[in-house]
Amino acid sequence: MQLTVIKVGGNIIDDDTKLAAFLKSFATLSGAKILVHGGGKIATSIGEKLGIESKYVNGRRITDRETLSLVTMVYGGLINKNIVATLQSLSCNAIGLTGADGNILPAVKRPVKDIDYGFVGDVTNDKVSVTMLSRLLHIGLTPVFAPLTHDTKGNMLNTNADTIAQEVARAMATHMEVQLIYCFEKKGVLADAADDDSVINSITAADFEELKAAGIVSGGMIPKLENAFSAISSGVKKVIIGQAEDLHALYTGDSGTCIL
């Protein structure tokens, strides 16, 4: 079986028009597929209405107990179920999941080092329930993961969607041919951040080091590429990074940046 794991970023989740177009494209992709979605700014907006202040360190959300309740409600409920409902309307038989469902994605609460991130989960591919996911895929369901895992002790954990996508792809690659697609707002990895058309067609591990040293790749793109190379080194056949609007072209390898 061939499998495509697709991660869609929060910036698409925040835009109803872009999300609707993306899901329409996703629903028409052939073959087995898994969608992992980010949370976007919706939790922050709802939190403000509820009097829950969002706290960040180095761009990462601090997930205290109150914030955990908020993101579980918004990511696992509002966003996830709206995506699933939309896919059902497009004849894609989706099933919404968090890592706790079926114990598919158990995680470990991130250890406190310099910063206490709170209820944030770190997941590894050896803990992903390949058996459970394979069963869902073989009966024709399309799993849709919210960026949430659990610690097997009764606590939900806020977890990076890029990491979930990578670990799921790595785990499933031991049983089937997997490609991983990261969808975000840019057409791919850019040689010039000011030029949206300066897409780098392919990047090797050596290229990545050079691009980092030159400052061409920086910020949030670094962990995204680190996840991509980790997936490739673990047996994922292909990793593509590109624009959500170009999903079909990314799927066929005709757009975006290919990680080699």
C-alpha atoms as a PDB file:
ATOM      1  CA  MET A   1       0.000   0.000   0.000  1.00  0.00           C
ATOM      2  CA  GLN A   2       1.140   3.523  -0.801  1.00  0.00           C
ATOM      3  CA  LEU A   3       0.429   6.210   1.795  1.00  0.00           C
ATOM      4  CA  THR A   4       0.589   9.997   1.721  1.00  0.00           C
ATOM      5  CA  VAL A   5       0.922  11.870   5.020  1.00  0.00           C
ATOM      6  CA  ILE A   6       0.059  15.548   4.680  1.00  0.00           C
ATOM      7  CA  LYS A   7       0.536  18.287   7.246  1.00  0.00           C
ATOM      8  CA  VAL A   8      -1.329  21.554   6.767  1.00  0.00           C
ATOM      9  CA  GLY A   9      -0.162  24.621   8.672  1.00  0.00           C
ATOM     10  CA  GLY A  10      -2.070  26.861  11.011  1.00  0.00           C
ATOM     11  CA  ASN A  11      -1.998  29.758   8.552  1.00  0.00           C
ATOM     12  CA  ILE A  12      -4.331  27.750   6.288  1.00  0.00           C
ATOM     13  CA  ILE A  13      -6.531  26.793   9.239  1.00  0.00           C
ATOM     14  CA  ASP A  14      -6.976  30.502  10.021  1.00  0.00           C
ATOM     15  CA  ASP A  15      -8.343  31.287   6.535  1.00  0.00           C
ATOM     16  CA  ASP A  16     -11.761  29.732   5.851  1.00  0.00           C
ATOM     17  CA  THR A  17     -11.484  30.204   2.076  1.00  0.00           C
ATOM     18  CA  LYS A  18      -8.001  28.687   1.818  1.00  0.00           C
ATOM     19  CA  LEU A  19      -8.932  25.813   4.117  1.00  0.00           C
ATOM     20  CA  ALA A  20     -12.049  24.989   2.082  1.00  0.00           C
ATOM     21  CA  ALA A  21     -10.016  24.945  -1.151  1.00  0.00           C
ATOM     22  CA  PHE A  22      -7.296  22.820   0.430  1.00  0.00           C
ATOM     23  CA  LEU A  23      -9.756  20.250   1.775  1.00  0.00           C
ATOM     24  CA  LYS A  24     -11.460  20.040  -1.617  1.00  0.00           C
ATOM     25  CA  SER A  25      -8.082  19.184  -3.189  1.00  0.00           C
ATOM     26  CA  PHE A  26      -7.184  16.788  -0.367  1.00  0.00           C
ATOM     27  CA  ALA A  27     -10.459  14.886  -0.743  1.00  0.00           C
ATOM     28  CA  THR A  28      -9.733  14.152  -4.413  1.00  0.00           C
ATOM     29  CA  LEU A  29      -6.233  12.718  -3.863  1.00  0.00           C
ATOM     30  CA  SER A  30      -6.120   9.045  -4.712  1.00  0.00           C
ATOM     31  CA  GLY A  31      -4.857   6.313  -2.426  1.00  0.00           C
ATOM     32  CA  ALA A  32      -4.479   6.032   1.317  1.00  0.00           C
ATOM     33  CA  LYS A  33      -3.822   9.312   3.105  1.00  0.00           C
ATOM     34  CA  ILE A  34      -3.481  10.837   6.552  1.00  0.00           C
ATOM     35  CA  LEU A  35      -3.958  14.515   7.373  1.00  0.00           C
ATOM     36  CA  VAL A  36      -2.285  16.263  10.310  1.00  0.00           C
ATOM     37  CA  HIS A  37      -3.458  19.807  11.013  1.00  0.00           C
ATOM     38  CA  GLY A  38      -2.025  22.629  13.069  1.00  0.00           C
ATOM     39  CA  GLY A  39      -3.949  24.850  15.422  1.00  0.00           C
ATOM     40  CA  GLY A  40      -3.558  28.293  13.976  1.00  0.00           C
ATOM     41  CA  LYS A  41      -4.555  31.385  15.926  1.00  0.00           C
ATOM     42  CA  ILE A  42      -8.088  30.224  16.726  1.00  0.00           C
ATOM     43  CA  ALA A  43      -7.155  28.982  20.206  1.00  0.00           C
ATOM     44  CA  THR A  44      -5.525  32.324  21.003  1.00  0.00           C
ATOM     45  CA  SER A  45      -8.623  34.206  19.823  1.00  0.00           C
ATOM     46  CA  ILE A  46     -11.036  32.035  21.802  1.00  0.00           C
ATOM     47  CA  GLY A  47      -8.704  32.154  24.811  1.00  0.00           C
ATOM     48  CA  GLU A  48      -8.846  35.939  24.809  1.00  0.00           C
ATOM     49  CA  LYS A  49     -12.651  35.807  24.925  1.00  0.00           C
ATOM     50  CA  LEU A  50     -12.436  33.394  27.867  1.00  0.00           C
ATOM     51  CA  GLY A  51      -9.814  35.453  29.682  1.00  0.00           C
ATOM     52  CA  ILE A  52      -7.023  32.917  29.092  1.00  0.00           C
ATOM     53  CA  GLU A  53      -3.778  34.659  28.210  1.00  0.00           C
ATOM     54  CA  SER A  54      -1.520  32.954  25.660  1.00  0.00           C
ATOM     55  CA  LYS A  55       2.124  32.822  26.735  1.00  0.00           C
ATOM     56  CA  TYR A  56       5.013  32.170  24.378  1.00  0.00           C
ATOM     57  CA  VAL A  57       8.761  31.667  24.711  1.00  0.00           C
ATOM     58  CA  ASN A  58      10.819  31.771  21.506  1.00  0.00           C
ATOM     59  CA  GLY A  59       7.611  31.463  19.525  1.00  0.00           C
ATOM     60  CA  ARG A  60       6.479  28.314  21.329  1.00  0.00           C
ATOM     61  CA  ARG A  61       3.253  28.226  23.320  1.00  0.00           C
ATOM     62  CA  ILE A  62       3.528  27.567  27.048  1.00  0.00           C
ATOM     63  CA  THR A  63       0.798  25.036  27.859  1.00  0.00           C
ATOM     64  CA  ASP A  64      -0.292  25.332  31.469  1.00  0.00           C
ATOM     65  CA  ARG A  65      -3.324  23.414  32.774  1.00  0.00           C
ATOM     66  CA  GLU A  66      -5.800  26.106  31.705  1.00  0.00           C
ATOM     67  CA  THR A  67      -4.254  26.428  28.260  1.00  0.00           C
ATOM     68  CA  LEU A  68      -4.266  22.646  27.874  1.00  0.00           C
ATOM     69  CA  SER A  69      -8.039  22.637  28.361  1.00  0.00           C
ATOM     70  CA  LEU A  70      -8.328  25.409  25.774  1.00  0.00           C
ATOM     71  CA  VAL A  71      -6.234  23.735  23.051  1.00  0.00           C
ATOM     72  CA  THR A  72      -7.844  20.334  23.653  1.00  0.00           C
ATOM     73  CA  MET A  73     -11.251  21.931  23.161  1.00  0.00           C
ATOM     74  CA  VAL A  74     -10.253  23.984  20.109  1.00  0.00           C
ATOM     75  CA  TYR A  75      -7.777  21.684  18.330  1.00  0.00           C
ATOM     76  CA  GLY A  76      -9.400  18.342  19.107  1.00  0.00           C
ATOM     77  CA  GLY A  77     -12.954  19.635  18.971  1.00  0.00           C
ATOM     78  CA  LEU A  78     -13.778  22.741  16.973  1.00  0.00           C
ATOM     79  CA  ILE A  79     -11.039  22.625  14.319  1.00  0.00           C
ATOM     80  CA  ASN A  80     -10.727  18.859  13.952  1.00  0.00           C
ATOM     81  CA  LYS A  81     -14.434  18.138  13.729  1.00  0.00           C
ATOM     82  CA  ASN A  82     -15.099  20.982  11.300  1.00  0.00           C
ATOM     83  CA  ILE A  83     -12.374  19.571   9.025  1.00  0.00           C
ATOM     84  CA  VAL A  84     -13.841  16.069   9.304  1.00  0.00           C
ATOM     85  CA  ALA A  85     -17.351  17.328   8.570  1.00  0.00           C
ATOM     86  CA  THR A  86     -16.117  19.208   5.513  1.00  0.00           C
ATOM     87  CA  LEU A  87     -14.277  16.123   4.221  1.00  0.00           C
ATOM     88  CA  GLN A  88     -17.403  14.016   4.712  1.00  0.00           C
ATOM     89  CA  SER A  89     -19.319  16.503   2.559  1.00  0.00           C
ATOM     90  CA  LEU A  90     -16.652  15.929  -0.113  1.00  0.00           C
ATOM     91  CA  SER A  91     -17.105  12.122  -0.012  1.00  0.00           C
ATOM     92  CA  CYS A  92     -13.868  11.586   1.908  1.00  0.00           C
ATOM     93  CA  ASN A  93     -14.613   9.205   4.780  1.00  0.00           C
ATOM     94  CA  ALA A  94     -12.500  10.940   7.435  1.00  0.00           C
ATOM     95  CA  ILE A  95     -12.168  10.102  11.112  1.00  0.00           C
ATOM     96  CA  GLY A  96     -10.959  12.763  13.544  1.00  0.00           C
ATOM     97  CA  LEU A  97      -8.329  11.703  16.051  1.00  0.00           C
ATOM     98  CA  THR A  98      -6.027  12.858  18.806  1.00  0.00           C
ATOM     99  CA  GLY A  99      -3.081  10.768  19.939  1.00  0.00           C
ATOM    100  CA  ALA A 100      -5.184   9.424  22.812  1.00  0.00           C
ATOM    101  CA  ASP A 101      -7.750   7.790  20.510  1.00  0.00           C
ATOM    102  CA  GLY A 102      -6.890   4.129  20.134  1.00  0.00           C
ATOM    103  CA  ASN A 103      -3.623   4.925  21.936  1.00  0.00           C
ATOM    104  CA  ILE A 104      -2.253   5.735  18.492  1.00  0.00           C
ATOM    105  CA  LEU A 105       0.170   8.469  19.600  1.00  0.00           C
ATOM    106  CA  PRO A 106       1.369   8.132  23.195  1.00  0.00           C
ATOM    107  CA  ALA A 107       3.945  10.746  24.141  1.00  0.00           C
ATOM    108  CA  VAL A 108       6.214  11.884  26.941  1.00  0.00           C
ATOM    109  CA  LYS A 109       5.733  15.215  28.686  1.00  0.00           C
ATOM    110  CA  ARG A 110       8.666  17.385  27.668  1.00  0.00           C
ATOM    111  CA  PRO A 111      11.305  17.449  30.425  1.00  0.00           C
ATOM    112  CA  VAL A 112      11.951  20.795  32.067  1.00  0.00           C
ATOM    113  CA  LYS A 113      15.357  22.189  31.123  1.00  0.00           C
ATOM    114  CA  ASP A 114      15.857  25.941  30.727  1.00  0.00           C
ATOM    115  CA  ILE A 115      12.138  26.443  30.058  1.00  0.00           C
ATOM    116  CA  ASP A 116       9.065  24.678  31.422  1.00  0.00           C
ATOM    117  CA  TYR A 117       6.752  24.336  28.432  1.00  0.00           C
ATOM    118  CA  GLY A 118       4.069  22.718  30.564  1.00  0.00           C
ATOM    119  CA  PHE A 119       1.826  20.038  29.087  1.00  0.00           C
ATOM    120  CA  VAL A 120       3.738  19.650  25.820  1.00  0.00           C
ATOM    121  CA  GLY A 121       4.299  16.188  24.378  1.00  0.00           C
ATOM    122  CA  ASP A 122       7.307  14.689  22.640  1.00  0.00           C
ATOM    123  CA  VAL A 123       6.384  11.697  20.466  1.00  0.00           C
ATOM    124  CA  THR A 124       8.685   9.135  18.856  1.00  0.00           C
ATOM    125  CA  ASN A 125       7.931   6.893  15.899  1.00  0.00           C
ATOM    126  CA  ASP A 126       8.572   3.685  17.836  1.00  0.00           C
ATOM    127  CA  LYS A 127       5.504   4.484  19.978  1.00  0.00           C
ATOM    128  CA  VAL A 128       3.131   5.133  17.053  1.00  0.00           C
ATOM    129  CA  SER A 129       0.507   2.381  16.789  1.00  0.00           C
ATOM    130  CA  VAL A 130       1.149   1.250  13.227  1.00  0.00           C
ATOM    131  CA  THR A 131      -1.309  -1.632  13.690  1.00  0.00           C
ATOM    132  CA  MET A 132      -4.203   0.640  14.632  1.00  0.00           C
ATOM    133  CA  LEU A 133      -3.483   3.145  11.852  1.00  0.00           C
ATOM    134  CA  SER A 134      -3.137   0.363   9.283  1.00  0.00           C
ATOM    135  CA  ARG A 135      -6.531  -1.043  10.296  1.00  0.00           C
ATOM    136  CA  LEU A 136      -8.185   2.336   9.820  1.00  0.00           C
ATOM    137  CA  LEU A 137      -6.571   2.784   6.405  1.00  0.00           C
ATOM    138  CA  HIS A 138      -7.423  -0.735   5.239  1.00  0.00           C
ATOM    139  CA  ILE A 139     -11.132  -0.219   5.943  1.00  0.00           C
ATOM    140  CA  GLY A 140     -11.095   2.960   3.864  1.00  0.00           C
ATOM    141  CA  LEU A 141     -10.965   5.625   6.576  1.00  0.00           C
ATOM    142  CA  THR A 142      -8.835   8.767   6.334  1.00  0.00           C
ATOM    143  CA  PRO A 143      -7.355   9.680   9.740  1.00  0.00           C
ATOM    144  CA  VAL A 144      -7.284  13.402  10.545  1.00  0.00           C
ATOM    145  CA  PHE A 145      -4.997  14.189  13.476  1.00  0.00           C
ATOM    146  CA  ALA A 146      -5.301  17.206  15.749  1.00  0.00           C
ATOM    147  CA  PRO A 147      -1.942  18.371  17.225  1.00  0.00           C
ATOM    148  CA  LEU A 148      -2.610  16.570  20.502  1.00  0.00           C
ATOM    149  CA  THR A 149      -1.142  13.447  22.099  1.00  0.00           C
ATOM    150  CA  HIS A 150      -1.388  11.914  25.587  1.00  0.00           C
ATOM    151  CA  ASP A 151       0.969  10.710  28.304  1.00  0.00           C
ATOM    152  CA  THR A 152      -0.878   7.397  29.057  1.00  0.00           C
ATOM    153  CA  LYS A 153      -1.447   8.729  32.597  1.00  0.00           C
ATOM    154  CA  GLY A 154      -4.656  10.600  31.889  1.00  0.00           C
ATOM    155  CA  ASN A 155      -3.192  13.851  30.572  1.00  0.00           C
ATOM    156  CA  MET A 156      -3.577  15.281  27.079  1.00  0.00           C
ATOM    157  CA  LEU A 157      -0.473  16.959  25.663  1.00  0.00           C
ATOM    158  CA  ASN A 158      -0.086  19.811  23.182  1.00  0.00           C
ATOM    159  CA  THR A 159       2.215  18.549  20.413  1.00  0.00           C
ATOM    160  CA  ASN A 160       3.843  20.116  17.344  1.00  0.00           C
ATOM    161  CA  ALA A 161       1.934  19.115  14.198  1.00  0.00           C
ATOM    162  CA  ASP A 162       5.094  18.965  12.036  1.00  0.00           C
ATOM    163  CA  THR A 163       6.571  16.472  14.474  1.00  0.00           C
ATOM    164  CA  ILE A 164       3.416  14.351  14.561  1.00  0.00           C
ATOM    165  CA  ALA A 165       3.389  14.199  10.751  1.00  0.00           C
ATOM    166  CA  GLN A 166       7.056  13.218  10.634  1.00  0.00           C
ATOM    167  CA  GLU A 167       6.776  10.532  13.315  1.00  0.00           C
ATOM    168  CA  VAL A 168       3.635   9.033  11.765  1.00  0.00           C
ATOM    169  CA  ALA A 169       5.304   8.959   8.334  1.00  0.00           C
ATOM    170  CA  ARG A 170       8.466   7.352   9.761  1.00  0.00           C
ATOM    171  CA  ALA A 171       6.488   4.699  11.627  1.00  0.00           C
ATOM    172  CA  MET A 172       4.271   3.812   8.675  1.00  0.00           C
ATOM    173  CA  ALA A 173       7.292   3.643   6.321  1.00  0.00           C
ATOM    174  CA  THR A 174       8.250   0.342   7.965  1.00  0.00           C
ATOM    175  CA  HIS A 175       5.095  -1.227   6.489  1.00  0.00           C
ATOM    176  CA  MET A 176       4.295   0.710   3.303  1.00  0.00           C
ATOM    177  CA  GLU A 177       5.637   3.199   0.772  1.00  0.00           C
ATOM    178  CA  VAL A 178       5.183   6.658   2.292  1.00  0.00           C
ATOM    179  CA  GLN A 179       5.512  10.197   1.029  1.00  0.00           C
ATOM    180  CA  LEU A 180       5.276  13.166   3.399  1.00  0.00           C
ATOM    181  CA  ILE A 181       4.034  16.584   2.291  1.00  0.00           C
ATOM    182  CA  TYR A 182       4.343  19.727   4.393  1.00  0.00           C
ATOM    183  CA  CYS A 183       1.868  22.387   3.226  1.00  0.00           C
ATOM    184  CA  PHE A 184       2.289  25.994   4.281  1.00  0.00           C
ATOM    185  CA  GLU A 185       1.953  29.504   2.847  1.00  0.00           C
ATOM    186  CA  LYS A 186       5.087  29.562   0.641  1.00  0.00           C
ATOM    187  CA  LYS A 187       5.677  27.726  -2.651  1.00  0.00           C
ATOM    188  CA  GLY A 188       8.618  25.892  -1.104  1.00  0.00           C
ATOM    189  CA  VAL A 189      11.958  26.661   0.509  1.00  0.00           C
ATOM    190  CA  LEU A 190      13.010  30.026  -0.934  1.00  0.00           C
ATOM    191  CA  ALA A 191      16.484  31.157  -1.977  1.00  0.00           C
ATOM    192  CA  ASP A 192      15.281  34.736  -1.391  1.00  0.00           C
ATOM    193  CA  ALA A 193      12.673  35.301   1.298  1.00  0.00           C
ATOM    194  CA  ALA A 194      11.473  38.419  -0.545  1.00  0.00           C
ATOM    195  CA  ASP A 195      10.903  36.527  -3.797  1.00  0.00           C
ATOM    196  CA  ASP A 196       8.068  33.993  -3.643  1.00  0.00           C
ATOM    197  CA  ASP A 197       9.188  32.503  -6.960  1.00  0.00           C
ATOM    198  CA  SER A 198      12.755  31.722  -5.843  1.00  0.00           C
ATOM    199  CA  VAL A 199      11.870  28.152  -4.922  1.00  0.00           C
ATOM    200  CA  ILE A 200      14.785  25.783  -4.378  1.00  0.00           C
ATOM    201  CA  ASN A 201      13.730  22.653  -6.263  1.00  0.00           C
ATOM    202  CA  SER A 202      15.637  20.167  -4.120  1.00  0.00           C
ATOM    203  CA  ILE A 203      17.792  20.164  -0.985  1.00  0.00           C
ATOM    204  CA  THR A 204      20.267  17.555   0.209  1.00  0.00           C
ATOM    205  CA  ALA A 205      21.595  17.308   3.768  1.00  0.00           C
ATOM    206  CA  ALA A 206      24.808  19.043   2.638  1.00  0.00           C
ATOM    207  CA  ASP A 207      22.776  21.808   0.964  1.00  0.00           C
ATOM    208  CA  PHE A 208      20.832  22.274   4.200  1.00  0.00           C
ATOM    209  CA  GLU A 209      23.998  22.941   6.197  1.00  0.00           C
ATOM    210  CA  GLU A 210      25.182  25.464   3.604  1.00  0.00           C
ATOM    211  CA  LEU A 211      21.808  27.215   3.500  1.00  0.00           C
ATOM    212  CA  LYS A 212      21.756  27.495   7.304  1.00  0.00           C
ATOM    213  CA  ALA A 213      25.316  28.850   7.399  1.00  0.00           C
ATOM    214  CA  ALA A 214      24.418  31.453   4.770  1.00  0.00           C
ATOM    215  CA  GLY A 215      21.290  32.494   6.673  1.00  0.00           C
ATOM    216  CA  ILE A 216      19.071  31.593   3.712  1.00  0.00           C
ATOM    217  CA  VAL A 217      17.247  29.034   5.834  1.00  0.00           C
ATOM    218  CA  SER A 218      16.425  30.305   9.316  1.00  0.00           C
ATOM    219  CA  GLY A 219      13.749  30.528  11.996  1.00  0.00           C
ATOM    220  CA  GLY A 220      10.858  28.086  11.795  1.00  0.00           C
ATOM    221  CA  MET A 221      12.082  26.618   8.514  1.00  0.00           C
ATOM    222  CA  ILE A 222      15.024  24.968  10.291  1.00  0.00           C
ATOM    223  CA  PRO A 223      12.976  22.552  12.468  1.00  0.00           C
ATOM    224  CA  LYS A 224      10.668  21.873   9.506  1.00  0.00           C
ATOM    225  CA  LEU A 225      13.647  20.777   7.409  1.00  0.00           C
ATOM    226  CA  GLU A 226      15.166  18.860  10.308  1.00  0.00           C
ATOM    227  CA  ASN A 227      11.910  16.903  10.549  1.00  0.00           C
ATOM    228  CA  ALA A 228      12.013  16.332   6.789  1.00  0.00           C
ATOM    229  CA  PHE A 229      15.551  14.937   6.800  1.00  0.00           C
ATOM    230  CA  SER A 230      14.756  12.783   9.811  1.00  0.00           C
ATOM    231  CA  ALA A 231      11.871  11.277   7.854  1.00  0.00           C
ATOM    232  CA  ILE A 232      14.036  10.592   4.784  1.00  0.00           C
ATOM    233  CA  SER A 233      16.737   8.944   6.892  1.00  0.00           C
ATOM    234  CA  SER A 234      14.107   6.644   8.413  1.00  0.00           C
ATOM    235  CA  GLY A 235      12.727   5.220   5.196  1.00  0.00           C
ATOM    236  CA  VAL A 236      10.132   7.759   4.039  1.00  0.00           C
ATOM    237  CA  LYS A 237      10.435   7.653   0.248  1.00  0.00           C
ATOM    238  CA  LYS A 238       9.769  11.319  -0.508  1.00  0.00           C
ATOM    239  CA  VAL A 239       9.319  14.576   1.436  1.00  0.00           C
ATOM    240  CA  ILE A 240       7.931  17.672  -0.276  1.00  0.00           C
ATOM    241  CA  ILE A 241       7.535  21.155   1.200  1.00  0.00           C
ATOM    242  CA  GLY A 242       5.297  23.639  -0.581  1.00  0.00           C
ATOM    243  CA  GLN A 243       2.179  25.755  -0.854  1.00  0.00           C
ATOM    244  CA  ALA A 244      -1.159  24.370   0.249  1.00  0.00           C
ATOM    245  CA  GLU A 245      -2.836  25.826  -2.849  1.00  0.00           C
ATOM    246  CA  ASP A 246      -0.589  23.592  -5.010  1.00  0.00           C
ATOM    247  CA  LEU A 247      -1.480  20.327  -3.250  1.00  0.00           C
ATOM    248  CA  HIS A 248      -2.067  18.277  -6.407  1.00  0.00           C
ATOM    249  CA  ALA A 249       1.231  19.444  -7.924  1.00  0.00           C
ATOM    250  CA  LEU A 250       3.013  18.683  -4.641  1.00  0.00           C
ATOM    251  CA  TYR A 251       1.426  15.226  -4.635  1.00  0.00           C
ATOM    252  CA  THR A 252       2.752  14.504  -8.129  1.00  0.00           C
ATOM    253  CA  GLY A 253       6.155  16.056  -7.410  1.00  0.00           C
ATOM    254  CA  ASP A 254       5.657  18.910  -9.885  1.00  0.00           C
ATOM    255  CA  SER A 255       5.867  21.722  -7.328  1.00  0.00           C
ATOM    256  CA  GLY A 256       7.555  22.650  -4.072  1.00  0.00           C
ATOM    257  CA  THR A 257      10.942  21.691  -2.643  1.00  0.00           C
ATOM    258  CA  CYS A 258      11.929  18.032  -2.651  1.00  0.00           C
ATOM    259  CA  ILE A 259      14.059  16.846   0.268  1.00  0.00           C
ATOM    260  CA  LEU A 260      16.713  14.351  -0.842  1.00  0.00           C
END
